PDB file of N, CA and C in Angstrom:
ATOM      1  N   MET A   1       0.861  -1.160   0.000  1.00  0.00           N
ATOM      2  CA  MET A   1       0.000   0.000   0.000  1.00  0.00           C
ATOM      3  C   MET A   1       0.911   1.227   0.000  1.00  0.00           C
ATOM      4  N   THR A   2       0.546   2.214  -0.777  1.00  0.00           N
ATOM      5  CA  THR A   2       1.357   3.417  -0.902  1.00  0.00           C
ATOM      6  C   THR A   2       0.534   4.645  -0.544  1.00  0.00           C
ATOM      7  N   LEU A   3       1.099   5.491   0.281  1.00  0.00           N
ATOM      8  CA  LEU A   3       0.481   6.776   0.595  1.00  0.00           C
ATOM      9  C   LEU A   3       1.123   7.840  -0.275  1.00  0.00           C
ATOM     10  N   CYS A   4       0.333   8.720  -0.811  1.00  0.00           N
ATOM     11  CA  CYS A   4       0.833   9.867  -1.560  1.00  0.00           C
ATOM     12  C   CYS A   4       0.770  11.065  -0.605  1.00  0.00           C
ATOM     13  N   LEU A   5       1.912  11.443  -0.062  1.00  0.00           N
ATOM     14  CA  LEU A   5       1.971  12.477   0.964  1.00  0.00           C
ATOM     15  C   LEU A   5       2.390  13.804   0.364  1.00  0.00           C
ATOM     16  N   HIS A   6       1.995  14.889   0.993  1.00  0.00           N
ATOM     17  CA  HIS A   6       2.381  16.204   0.478  1.00  0.00           C
ATOM     18  C   HIS A   6       2.862  17.115   1.604  1.00  0.00           C
ATOM     19  N   THR A   7       3.583  18.116   1.255  1.00  0.00           N
ATOM     20  CA  THR A   7       4.075  19.171   2.145  1.00  0.00           C
ATOM     21  C   THR A   7       4.739  18.639   3.410  1.00  0.00           C
ATOM     22  N   GLY A   8       5.719  17.785   3.236  1.00  0.00           N
ATOM     23  CA  GLY A   8       6.522  17.352   4.367  1.00  0.00           C
ATOM     24  C   GLY A   8       5.986  16.189   5.164  1.00  0.00           C
ATOM     25  N   GLY A   9       4.856  15.631   4.766  1.00  0.00           N
ATOM     26  CA  GLY A   9       4.338  14.472   5.479  1.00  0.00           C
ATOM     27  C   GLY A   9       5.299  13.303   5.351  1.00  0.00           C
ATOM     28  N   GLU A  10       5.352  12.471   6.377  1.00  0.00           N
ATOM     29  CA  GLU A  10       6.236  11.315   6.322  1.00  0.00           C
ATOM     30  C   GLU A  10       5.544  10.083   6.877  1.00  0.00           C
ATOM     31  N   GLU A  11       5.800   8.953   6.225  1.00  0.00           N
ATOM     32  CA  GLU A  11       5.228   7.696   6.680  1.00  0.00           C
ATOM     33  C   GLU A  11       5.855   7.323   8.019  1.00  0.00           C
ATOM     34  N   ILE A  12       5.057   6.684   8.870  1.00  0.00           N
ATOM     35  CA  ILE A  12       5.526   6.312  10.204  1.00  0.00           C
ATOM     36  C   ILE A  12       5.007   4.909  10.522  1.00  0.00           C
ATOM     37  N   ALA A  13       5.828   4.104  11.173  1.00  0.00           N
ATOM     38  CA  ALA A  13       5.417   2.764  11.585  1.00  0.00           C
ATOM     39  C   ALA A  13       4.442   2.868  12.761  1.00  0.00           C
ATOM     40  N   LEU A  14       3.577   1.873  12.869  1.00  0.00           N
ATOM     41  CA  LEU A  14       2.598   1.866  13.955  1.00  0.00           C
ATOM     42  C   LEU A  14       3.302   1.930  15.318  1.00  0.00           C
ATOM     43  N   ALA A  15       4.395   1.210  15.479  1.00  0.00           N
ATOM     44  CA  ALA A  15       5.136   1.230  16.747  1.00  0.00           C
ATOM     45  C   ALA A  15       5.663   2.631  17.055  1.00  0.00           C
ATOM     46  N   ASP A  16       6.111   3.347  16.022  1.00  0.00           N
ATOM     47  CA  ASP A  16       6.618   4.711  16.233  1.00  0.00           C
ATOM     48  C   ASP A  16       5.487   5.684  16.530  1.00  0.00           C
ATOM     49  N   LEU A  17       4.307   5.412  15.999  1.00  0.00           N
ATOM     50  CA  LEU A  17       3.140   6.247  16.287  1.00  0.00           C
ATOM     51  C   LEU A  17       2.819   6.192  17.783  1.00  0.00           C
ATOM     52  N   ARG A  18       3.063   5.037  18.397  1.00  0.00           N
ATOM     53  CA  ARG A  18       2.822   4.883  19.839  1.00  0.00           C
ATOM     54  C   ARG A  18       3.742   5.765  20.677  1.00  0.00           C
ATOM     55  N   ASP A  19       4.907   6.094  20.127  1.00  0.00           N
ATOM     56  CA  ASP A  19       5.904   6.867  20.879  1.00  0.00           C
ATOM     57  C   ASP A  19       5.750   8.381  20.754  1.00  0.00           C
ATOM     58  N   LEU A  20       4.823   8.853  19.912  1.00  0.00           N
ATOM     59  CA  LEU A  20       4.649  10.297  19.732  1.00  0.00           C
ATOM     60  C   LEU A  20       4.114  10.956  21.002  1.00  0.00           C
ATOM     61  N   ASP A  21       4.645  12.113  21.308  1.00  0.00           N
ATOM     62  CA  ASP A  21       4.136  12.889  22.435  1.00  0.00           C
ATOM     63  C   ASP A  21       2.819  13.552  22.060  1.00  0.00           C
ATOM     64  N   THR A  22       1.943  13.687  23.020  1.00  0.00           N
ATOM     65  CA  THR A  22       0.669  14.373  22.830  1.00  0.00           C
ATOM     66  C   THR A  22       0.722  15.678  23.597  1.00  0.00           C
ATOM     67  N   PRO A  23       0.295  16.786  22.979  1.00  0.00           N
ATOM     68  CA  PRO A  23       0.308  18.071  23.687  1.00  0.00           C
ATOM     69  C   PRO A  23      -0.542  18.015  24.959  1.00  0.00           C
ATOM     70  N   ALA A  24      -0.177  18.842  25.908  1.00  0.00           N
ATOM     71  CA  ALA A  24      -0.929  18.911  27.164  1.00  0.00           C
ATOM     72  C   ALA A  24      -2.318  19.499  26.927  1.00  0.00           C
ATOM     73  N   ALA A  25      -3.255  19.052  27.727  1.00  0.00           N
ATOM     74  CA  ALA A  25      -4.621  19.579  27.654  1.00  0.00           C
ATOM     75  C   ALA A  25      -4.661  21.002  28.187  1.00  0.00           C
ATOM     76  N   THR A  26      -5.636  21.751  27.689  1.00  0.00           N
ATOM     77  CA  THR A  26      -5.904  23.094  28.212  1.00  0.00           C
ATOM     78  C   THR A  26      -7.322  23.087  28.768  1.00  0.00           C
ATOM     79  N   ALA A  27      -7.780  24.230  29.236  1.00  0.00           N
ATOM     80  CA  ALA A  27      -9.141  24.313  29.772  1.00  0.00           C
ATOM     81  C   ALA A  27     -10.196  24.081  28.693  1.00  0.00           C
ATOM     82  N   SER A  28      -9.846  24.355  27.435  1.00  0.00           N
ATOM     83  CA  SER A  28     -10.849  24.243  26.368  1.00  0.00           C
ATOM     84  C   SER A  28     -10.506  23.223  25.276  1.00  0.00           C
ATOM     85  N   HIS A  29      -9.379  22.527  25.409  1.00  0.00           N
ATOM     86  CA  HIS A  29      -8.973  21.590  24.359  1.00  0.00           C
ATOM     87  C   HIS A  29      -8.211  20.414  24.971  1.00  0.00           C
ATOM     88  N   VAL A  30      -8.681  19.202  24.694  1.00  0.00           N
ATOM     89  CA  VAL A  30      -8.023  18.000  25.196  1.00  0.00           C
ATOM     90  C   VAL A  30      -7.602  17.150  24.002  1.00  0.00           C
ATOM     91  N   PRO A  31      -6.322  17.211  23.623  1.00  0.00           N
ATOM     92  CA  PRO A  31      -5.853  16.415  22.490  1.00  0.00           C
ATOM     93  C   PRO A  31      -5.925  14.913  22.794  1.00  0.00           C
ATOM     94  N   ILE A  32      -6.286  14.134  21.809  1.00  0.00           N
ATOM     95  CA  ILE A  32      -6.326  12.679  21.923  1.00  0.00           C
ATOM     96  C   ILE A  32      -5.124  12.133  21.165  1.00  0.00           C
ATOM     97  N   PRO A  33      -4.342  11.256  21.771  1.00  0.00           N
ATOM     98  CA  PRO A  33      -3.201  10.682  21.051  1.00  0.00           C
ATOM     99  C   PRO A  33      -3.663   9.973  19.777  1.00  0.00           C
ATOM    100  N   HIS A  34      -2.918  10.167  18.697  1.00  0.00           N
ATOM    101  CA  HIS A  34      -3.272   9.532  17.427  1.00  0.00           C
ATOM    102  C   HIS A  34      -3.426   8.020  17.594  1.00  0.00           C
ATOM    103  N   ILE A  35      -2.544   7.419  18.375  1.00  0.00           N
ATOM    104  CA  ILE A  35      -2.581   5.966  18.533  1.00  0.00           C
ATOM    105  C   ILE A  35      -3.869   5.506  19.215  1.00  0.00           C
ATOM    106  N   ASP A  36      -4.442   6.336  20.086  1.00  0.00           N
ATOM    107  CA  ASP A  36      -5.709   5.969  20.726  1.00  0.00           C
ATOM    108  C   ASP A  36      -6.823   5.868  19.692  1.00  0.00           C
ATOM    109  N   VAL A  37      -6.838   6.791  18.734  1.00  0.00           N
ATOM    110  CA  VAL A  37      -7.839   6.745  17.666  1.00  0.00           C
ATOM    111  C   VAL A  37      -7.623   5.485  16.829  1.00  0.00           C
ATOM    112  N   VAL A  38      -6.380   5.213  16.462  1.00  0.00           N
ATOM    113  CA  VAL A  38      -6.074   4.023  15.659  1.00  0.00           C
ATOM    114  C   VAL A  38      -6.488   2.753  16.407  1.00  0.00           C
ATOM    115  N   ASP A  39      -6.156   2.660  17.686  1.00  0.00           N
ATOM    116  CA  ASP A  39      -6.513   1.475  18.468  1.00  0.00           C
ATOM    117  C   ASP A  39      -8.026   1.287  18.564  1.00  0.00           C
ATOM    118  N   MET A  40      -8.769   2.377  18.751  1.00  0.00           N
ATOM    119  CA  MET A  40     -10.232   2.284  18.826  1.00  0.00           C
ATOM    120  C   MET A  40     -10.818   1.808  17.496  1.00  0.00           C
ATOM    121  N   VAL A  41     -10.297   2.330  16.399  1.00  0.00           N
ATOM    122  CA  VAL A  41     -10.780   1.925  15.073  1.00  0.00           C
ATOM    123  C   VAL A  41     -10.443   0.462  14.812  1.00  0.00           C
ATOM    124  N   ARG A  42      -9.222   0.045  15.126  1.00  0.00           N
ATOM    125  CA  ARG A  42      -8.813  -1.353  14.931  1.00  0.00           C
ATOM    126  C   ARG A  42      -9.722  -2.289  15.733  1.00  0.00           C
ATOM    127  N   TYR A  43     -10.013  -1.912  16.972  1.00  0.00           N
ATOM    128  CA  TYR A  43     -10.890  -2.728  17.814  1.00  0.00           C
ATOM    129  C   TYR A  43     -12.299  -2.829  17.212  1.00  0.00           C
ATOM    130  N   ALA A  44     -12.854  -1.667  16.830  1.00  0.00           N
ATOM    131  CA  ALA A  44     -14.220  -1.653  16.282  1.00  0.00           C
ATOM    132  C   ALA A  44     -14.313  -2.456  14.986  1.00  0.00           C
ATOM    133  N   LEU A  45     -13.319  -2.318  14.126  1.00  0.00           N
ATOM    134  CA  LEU A  45     -13.332  -3.076  12.875  1.00  0.00           C
ATOM    135  C   LEU A  45     -13.271  -4.578  13.145  1.00  0.00           C
ATOM    136  N   GLY A  46     -12.407  -4.988  14.061  1.00  0.00           N
ATOM    137  CA  GLY A  46     -12.305  -6.401  14.413  1.00  0.00           C
ATOM    138  C   GLY A  46     -13.595  -6.918  15.040  1.00  0.00           C
ATOM    139  N   PHE A  47     -14.192  -6.118  15.911  1.00  0.00           N
ATOM    140  CA  PHE A  47     -15.445  -6.502  16.563  1.00  0.00           C
ATOM    141  C   PHE A  47     -16.546  -6.748  15.538  1.00  0.00           C
ATOM    142  N   HIS A  48     -16.537  -5.970  14.467  1.00  0.00           N
ATOM    143  CA  HIS A  48     -17.577  -6.085  13.439  1.00  0.00           C
ATOM    144  C   HIS A  48     -17.175  -6.997  12.284  1.00  0.00           C
ATOM    145  N   GLY A  49     -16.143  -7.805  12.481  1.00  0.00           N
ATOM    146  CA  GLY A  49     -15.824  -8.855  11.521  1.00  0.00           C
ATOM    147  C   GLY A  49     -14.902  -8.479  10.383  1.00  0.00           C
ATOM    148  N   HIS A  50     -14.062  -7.487  10.581  1.00  0.00           N
ATOM    149  CA  HIS A  50     -13.121  -7.089   9.531  1.00  0.00           C
ATOM    150  C   HIS A  50     -11.693  -7.364   9.980  1.00  0.00           C
ATOM    151  N   ASP A  51     -10.884  -7.865   9.057  1.00  0.00           N
ATOM    152  CA  ASP A  51      -9.465  -8.071   9.304  1.00  0.00           C
ATOM    153  C   ASP A  51      -8.685  -7.018   8.536  1.00  0.00           C
ATOM    154  N   ILE A  52      -7.650  -6.483   9.144  1.00  0.00           N
ATOM    155  CA  ILE A  52      -6.778  -5.520   8.471  1.00  0.00           C
ATOM    156  C   ILE A  52      -5.720  -6.322   7.721  1.00  0.00           C
ATOM    157  N   VAL A  53      -5.672  -6.155   6.392  1.00  0.00           N
ATOM    158  CA  VAL A  53      -4.706  -6.903   5.591  1.00  0.00           C
ATOM    159  C   VAL A  53      -3.501  -6.052   5.204  1.00  0.00           C
ATOM    160  N   GLU A  54      -3.661  -4.747   5.165  1.00  0.00           N
ATOM    161  CA  GLU A  54      -2.561  -3.814   4.915  1.00  0.00           C
ATOM    162  C   GLU A  54      -2.870  -2.519   5.644  1.00  0.00           C
ATOM    163  N   GLU A  55      -1.831  -1.791   6.019  1.00  0.00           N
ATOM    164  CA  GLU A  55      -2.050  -0.503   6.658  1.00  0.00           C
ATOM    165  C   GLU A  55      -0.860   0.410   6.420  1.00  0.00           C
ATOM    166  N   ALA A  56      -1.131   1.705   6.422  1.00  0.00           N
ATOM    167  CA  ALA A  56      -0.094   2.718   6.274  1.00  0.00           C
ATOM    168  C   ALA A  56      -0.487   3.896   7.154  1.00  0.00           C
ATOM    169  N   HIS A  57       0.517   4.514   7.766  1.00  0.00           N
ATOM    170  CA  HIS A  57       0.292   5.633   8.676  1.00  0.00           C
ATOM    171  C   HIS A  57       1.287   6.732   8.337  1.00  0.00           C
ATOM    172  N   ALA A  58       0.869   7.983   8.486  1.00  0.00           N
ATOM    173  CA  ALA A  58       1.755   9.113   8.206  1.00  0.00           C
ATOM    174  C   ALA A  58       1.416  10.265   9.144  1.00  0.00           C
ATOM    175  N   ILE A  59       2.403  11.136   9.351  1.00  0.00           N
ATOM    176  CA  ILE A  59       2.216  12.334  10.166  1.00  0.00           C
ATOM    177  C   ILE A  59       2.852  13.527   9.459  1.00  0.00           C
ATOM    178  N   THR A  60       2.416  14.706   9.850  1.00  0.00           N
ATOM    179  CA  THR A  60       3.053  15.936   9.370  1.00  0.00           C
ATOM    180  C   THR A  60       4.231  16.246  10.281  1.00  0.00           C
ATOM    181  N   PRO A  61       5.128  17.115   9.850  1.00  0.00           N
ATOM    182  CA  PRO A  61       6.233  17.502  10.737  1.00  0.00           C
ATOM    183  C   PRO A  61       5.680  18.020  12.070  1.00  0.00           C
ATOM    184  N   GLY A  62       6.253  17.561  13.142  1.00  0.00           N
ATOM    185  CA  GLY A  62       5.763  17.946  14.468  1.00  0.00           C
ATOM    186  C   GLY A  62       4.718  16.992  15.006  1.00  0.00           C
ATOM    187  N   GLY A  63       4.150  16.147  14.157  1.00  0.00           N
ATOM    188  CA  GLY A  63       3.194  15.139  14.593  1.00  0.00           C
ATOM    189  C   GLY A  63       1.802  15.640  14.909  1.00  0.00           C
ATOM    190  N   ASP A  64       1.474  16.886  14.529  1.00  0.00           N
ATOM    191  CA  ASP A  64       0.148  17.417  14.862  1.00  0.00           C
ATOM    192  C   ASP A  64      -0.979  16.815  14.029  1.00  0.00           C
ATOM    193  N   ARG A  65      -0.668  16.399  12.825  1.00  0.00           N
ATOM    194  CA  ARG A  65      -1.700  15.821  11.951  1.00  0.00           C
ATOM    195  C   ARG A  65      -1.313  14.401  11.574  1.00  0.00           C
ATOM    196  N   TYR A  66      -2.324  13.545  11.502  1.00  0.00           N
ATOM    197  CA  TYR A  66      -2.139  12.123  11.226  1.00  0.00           C
ATOM    198  C   TYR A  66      -3.012  11.727  10.034  1.00  0.00           C
ATOM    199  N   PHE A  67      -2.524  10.808   9.234  1.00  0.00           N
ATOM    200  CA  PHE A  67      -3.333  10.217   8.176  1.00  0.00           C
ATOM    201  C   PHE A  67      -3.119   8.719   8.214  1.00  0.00           C
ATOM    202  N   GLY A  68      -4.194   7.964   8.183  1.00  0.00           N
ATOM    203  CA  GLY A  68      -4.087   6.505   8.202  1.00  0.00           C
ATOM    204  C   GLY A  68      -4.932   5.881   7.127  1.00  0.00           C
ATOM    205  N   LEU A  69      -4.444   4.788   6.580  1.00  0.00           N
ATOM    206  CA  LEU A  69      -5.158   4.044   5.550  1.00  0.00           C
ATOM    207  C   LEU A  69      -5.101   2.570   5.906  1.00  0.00           C
ATOM    208  N   LEU A  70      -6.261   1.944   6.026  1.00  0.00           N
ATOM    209  CA  LEU A  70      -6.355   0.528   6.361  1.00  0.00           C
ATOM    210  C   LEU A  70      -7.089  -0.185   5.234  1.00  0.00           C
ATOM    211  N   SER A  71      -6.524  -1.269   4.773  1.00  0.00           N
ATOM    212  CA  SER A  71      -7.180  -2.108   3.769  1.00  0.00           C
ATOM    213  C   SER A  71      -7.787  -3.294   4.514  1.00  0.00           C
ATOM    214  N   LEU A  72      -9.062  -3.540   4.293  1.00  0.00           N
ATOM    215  CA  LEU A  72      -9.815  -4.506   5.093  1.00  0.00           C
ATOM    216  C   LEU A  72     -10.333  -5.674   4.272  1.00  0.00           C
ATOM    217  N   ARG A  73     -10.479  -6.803   4.962  1.00  0.00           N
ATOM    218  CA  ARG A  73     -11.180  -7.951   4.396  1.00  0.00           C
ATOM    219  C   ARG A  73     -12.243  -8.336   5.421  1.00  0.00           C
ATOM    220  N   SER A  74     -13.452  -8.543   4.936  1.00  0.00           N
ATOM    221  CA  SER A  74     -14.546  -8.902   5.825  1.00  0.00           C
ATOM    222  C   SER A  74     -14.573 -10.417   6.018  1.00  0.00           C
ATOM    223  N   ARG A  75     -14.709 -10.852   7.249  1.00  0.00           N
ATOM    224  CA  ARG A  75     -14.821 -12.295   7.512  1.00  0.00           C
ATOM    225  C   ARG A  75     -16.164 -12.829   7.044  1.00  0.00           C
ATOM    226  N   ALA A  76     -17.150 -11.949   6.882  1.00  0.00           N
ATOM    227  CA  ALA A  76     -18.490 -12.369   6.468  1.00  0.00           C
ATOM    228  C   ALA A  76     -18.611 -12.521   4.954  1.00  0.00           C
ATOM    229  N   ARG A  77     -17.689 -11.949   4.204  1.00  0.00           N
ATOM    230  CA  ARG A  77     -17.746 -12.012   2.742  1.00  0.00           C
ATOM    231  C   ARG A  77     -16.554 -12.804   2.240  1.00  0.00           C
ATOM    232  N   THR A  78     -16.761 -13.524   1.161  1.00  0.00           N
ATOM    233  CA  THR A  78     -15.678 -14.341   0.624  1.00  0.00           C
ATOM    234  C   THR A  78     -14.867 -13.607  -0.432  1.00  0.00           C
ATOM    235  N   ALA A  79     -15.397 -12.537  -0.986  1.00  0.00           N
ATOM    236  CA  ALA A  79     -14.665 -11.811  -2.032  1.00  0.00           C
ATOM    237  C   ALA A  79     -14.694 -10.319  -1.744  1.00  0.00           C
ATOM    238  N   GLY A  80     -13.684  -9.628  -2.242  1.00  0.00           N
ATOM    239  CA  GLY A  80     -13.658  -8.173  -2.151  1.00  0.00           C
ATOM    240  C   GLY A  80     -12.954  -7.673  -0.910  1.00  0.00           C
ATOM    241  N   ARG A  81     -12.518  -6.436  -1.012  1.00  0.00           N
ATOM    242  CA  ARG A  81     -11.861  -5.747   0.084  1.00  0.00           C
ATOM    243  C   ARG A  81     -12.389  -4.321   0.147  1.00  0.00           C
ATOM    244  N   ALA A  82     -12.199  -3.701   1.278  1.00  0.00           N
ATOM    245  CA  ALA A  82     -12.604  -2.308   1.460  1.00  0.00           C
ATOM    246  C   ALA A  82     -11.431  -1.563   2.076  1.00  0.00           C
ATOM    247  N   SER A  83     -11.487  -0.254   2.046  1.00  0.00           N
ATOM    248  CA  SER A  83     -10.453   0.562   2.662  1.00  0.00           C
ATOM    249  C   SER A  83     -11.081   1.569   3.603  1.00  0.00           C
ATOM    250  N   TRP A  84     -10.329   1.992   4.589  1.00  0.00           N
ATOM    251  CA  TRP A  84     -10.757   2.994   5.549  1.00  0.00           C
ATOM    252  C   TRP A  84      -9.641   4.016   5.653  1.00  0.00           C
ATOM    253  N   ALA A  85      -9.978   5.269   5.606  1.00  0.00           N
ATOM    254  CA  ALA A  85      -8.974   6.331   5.729  1.00  0.00           C
ATOM    255  C   ALA A  85      -9.432   7.319   6.798  1.00  0.00           C
ATOM    256  N   ARG A  86      -8.448   7.906   7.485  1.00  0.00           N
ATOM    257  CA  ARG A  86      -8.779   8.853   8.546  1.00  0.00           C
ATOM    258  C   ARG A  86      -7.701   9.919   8.619  1.00  0.00           C
ATOM    259  N   ARG A  87      -8.114  11.151   8.820  1.00  0.00           N
ATOM    260  CA  ARG A  87      -7.179  12.259   8.962  1.00  0.00           C
ATOM    261  C   ARG A  87      -7.583  13.142  10.140  1.00  0.00           C
ATOM    262  N   PRO A  88      -7.395  12.658  11.372  1.00  0.00           N
ATOM    263  CA  PRO A  88      -7.686  13.529  12.509  1.00  0.00           C
ATOM    264  C   PRO A  88      -6.523  14.485  12.759  1.00  0.00           C
ATOM    265  N   THR A  89      -6.778  15.503  13.526  1.00  0.00           N
ATOM    266  CA  THR A  89      -5.732  16.465  13.867  1.00  0.00           C
ATOM    267  C   THR A  89      -5.802  16.784  15.351  1.00  0.00           C
ATOM    268  N   ARG A  90      -4.675  17.120  15.918  1.00  0.00           N
ATOM    269  CA  ARG A  90      -4.644  17.551  17.323  1.00  0.00           C
ATOM    270  C   ARG A  90      -4.578  19.064  17.402  1.00  0.00           C
ATOM    271  N   LYS A  91      -4.524  19.727  16.259  1.00  0.00           N
ATOM    272  CA  LYS A  91      -4.427  21.184  16.260  1.00  0.00           C
ATOM    273  C   LYS A  91      -5.775  21.807  16.634  1.00  0.00           C
ATOM    274  N   ARG A  92      -5.724  22.866  17.374  1.00  0.00           N
ATOM    275  CA  ARG A  92      -6.926  23.633  17.668  1.00  0.00           C
ATOM    276  C   ARG A  92      -7.172  24.534  16.482  1.00  0.00           C
ATOM    277  N   ALA A  93      -8.320  24.409  15.893  1.00  0.00           N
ATOM    278  CA  ALA A  93      -8.619  25.229  14.722  1.00  0.00           C
ATOM    279  C   ALA A  93     -10.111  25.509  14.662  1.00  0.00           C
ATOM    280  N   VAL A  94     -10.436  26.691  14.223  1.00  0.00           N
ATOM    281  CA  VAL A  94     -11.832  27.030  13.970  1.00  0.00           C
ATOM    282  C   VAL A  94     -12.045  26.889  12.472  1.00  0.00           C
ATOM    283  N   VAL A  95     -12.962  26.022  12.113  1.00  0.00           N
ATOM    284  CA  VAL A  95     -13.199  25.770  10.689  1.00  0.00           C
ATOM    285  C   VAL A  95     -14.503  26.374  10.259  1.00  0.00           C
TER     286      VAL A  95
END
């Protein structure tokens, strides 16, 4: 699986994602570690009968933004695969 990254993004191993520091919480913003989101998604997918057959993870410089891509196979289906992508951020931003 290949990620097409832009503006300084770099691929990161799942084990290295676990080692990233998370910014401290403030009174109005509580950052969630990227790995916590990945672990929750992996658990939910497995609970609902999906196996991860390939995965790729990337971060921006400084680790504030994460992008993940998971290729899935359903245990309930005999053919076909699906993909899941996620781009959460720990940055405080008004959109």
